[in-house]
Amino acid sequence: MLIYSIIMFAVAVLFFGLATAIAHGNVRLIASYHREHVDPEKVEEYGKAFSKPLYGISGSLAASGVIDLIGGAGAGRAAVWVLFAGLAASIIAIIVVQRRYNDGLF
């Protein structure tokens, strides 16, 4: 489905832009309750660590779109599996970052 691929690419670009902005120091884009317990000296390091899972989300979205675009009739199921696997891995990575820099999830 071409529409699915276009949507996945568009959302991947948005997440890539968000991750890049956070990695370059704009940590205000992260919700305040996620960053309120981070040490002020580690805010920049926290932003870089938090952006890596967002890059992972962007990559899984793009990969899912590519699989669906170039695959045949049965590629839709594989595209969704790739998407969910990438999202699960990225959520786990965000939890690890939150526990490391924020002493918990919130």
Protein backbone atom coordinates (compact mmCIF):
# COMPACT_ATOMS: atom_id res chain seq x y z
CA MET A 1 0.00 0.00 0.00
CA LEU A 2 1.50 3.23 -1.14
CA ILE A 3 -0.45 5.32 1.36
CA TYR A 4 0.93 3.31 4.30
CA SER A 5 4.48 3.83 3.06
CA ILE A 6 3.97 7.56 2.59
CA ILE A 7 2.55 7.90 6.10
CA MET A 8 5.41 5.89 7.60
CA PHE A 9 8.03 8.00 5.79
CA ALA A 10 6.36 11.26 6.86
CA VAL A 11 6.17 10.23 10.51
CA ALA A 12 9.76 8.91 10.34
CA VAL A 13 10.93 12.33 9.12
CA LEU A 14 9.10 14.01 12.02
CA PHE A 15 10.69 11.69 14.60
CA PHE A 16 14.11 12.13 12.96
CA GLY A 17 13.77 15.91 13.21
CA LEU A 18 12.64 15.68 16.83
CA ALA A 19 15.55 13.38 17.71
CA THR A 20 18.04 15.67 15.97
CA ALA A 21 16.73 18.74 17.80
CA ILE A 22 16.95 16.97 21.17
CA ALA A 23 20.43 15.62 20.40
CA HIS A 24 21.62 19.15 19.66
CA GLY A 25 20.58 20.39 23.09
CA ASN A 26 16.92 21.35 22.79
CA VAL A 27 15.80 19.19 25.72
CA ARG A 28 12.79 21.43 26.30
CA LEU A 29 11.07 19.23 23.70
CA ILE A 30 11.05 16.41 26.28
CA ALA A 31 8.14 16.68 28.71
CA SER A 32 9.08 18.50 31.90
CA TYR A 33 8.09 15.66 34.19
CA HIS A 34 10.54 13.39 32.37
CA ARG A 35 13.48 15.74 32.84
CA GLU A 36 12.80 17.45 36.18
CA HIS A 37 15.02 15.11 38.25
CA VAL A 38 17.96 15.13 35.83
CA ASP A 39 21.10 16.74 37.23
CA PRO A 40 21.72 20.12 35.57
CA GLU A 41 25.25 19.07 34.61
CA LYS A 42 23.95 15.98 32.82
CA VAL A 43 21.13 17.58 30.83
CA GLU A 44 23.10 17.64 27.57
CA GLU A 45 24.18 14.01 28.01
CA TYR A 46 20.56 13.11 28.84
CA GLY A 47 19.36 14.76 25.63
CA LYS A 48 21.81 12.79 23.53
CA ALA A 49 20.90 9.54 25.27
CA PHE A 50 17.16 10.25 24.94
CA SER A 51 17.48 11.01 21.23
CA LYS A 52 18.95 7.61 20.34
CA PRO A 53 15.70 5.68 20.94
CA LEU A 54 13.88 8.35 18.93
CA TYR A 55 16.25 7.65 16.04
CA GLY A 56 15.33 3.98 16.52
CA ILE A 57 11.64 4.81 16.22
CA SER A 58 12.36 6.78 13.08
CA GLY A 59 14.35 3.91 11.61
CA SER A 60 11.68 1.34 12.37
CA LEU A 61 9.01 3.54 10.79
CA ALA A 62 11.10 4.00 7.65
CA ALA A 63 12.00 0.29 7.48
CA SER A 64 8.35 -0.66 7.82
CA GLY A 65 7.45 1.70 5.00
CA VAL A 66 10.21 0.33 2.76
CA ILE A 67 9.22 -3.29 3.41
CA ASP A 68 5.61 -2.54 2.56
CA LEU A 69 6.58 -0.53 -0.51
CA ILE A 70 8.94 -3.06 -2.13
CA GLY A 71 7.31 -6.22 -0.80
CA GLY A 72 4.57 -8.20 -2.38
CA ALA A 73 1.11 -9.03 -1.12
CA GLY A 74 2.37 -10.67 2.09
CA ALA A 75 4.76 -7.86 3.00
CA GLY A 76 2.18 -5.94 5.02
CA ARG A 77 2.37 -8.37 7.91
CA ALA A 78 6.18 -8.27 7.91
CA ALA A 79 6.11 -4.47 7.82
CA VAL A 80 3.90 -4.35 10.89
CA TRP A 81 6.12 -6.82 12.74
CA VAL A 82 9.20 -4.71 11.97
CA LEU A 83 7.36 -1.62 13.14
CA PHE A 84 6.26 -3.19 16.44
CA ALA A 85 9.68 -4.74 17.09
CA GLY A 86 11.37 -1.38 16.54
CA LEU A 87 8.87 0.42 18.75
CA ALA A 88 9.28 -2.16 21.52
CA ALA A 89 13.08 -1.91 21.41
CA SER A 90 12.92 1.88 21.46
CA ILE A 91 10.49 1.97 24.38
CA ILE A 92 12.80 -0.31 26.35
CA ALA A 93 15.71 1.99 25.50
CA ILE A 94 13.74 5.03 26.68
CA ILE A 95 12.96 3.26 29.96
CA VAL A 96 16.68 2.51 30.43
CA VAL A 97 17.59 6.16 29.76
CA GLN A 98 14.92 7.40 32.16
CA ARG A 99 16.09 5.08 34.93
CA ARG A 100 19.70 6.08 34.40
CA TYR A 101 19.29 9.86 34.34
CA ASN A 102 15.98 10.43 36.12
CA ASP A 103 16.04 7.77 38.85
CA GLY A 104 12.77 6.30 37.56
CA LEU A 105 10.31 6.63 34.74
CA PHE A 106 8.75 9.89 35.92
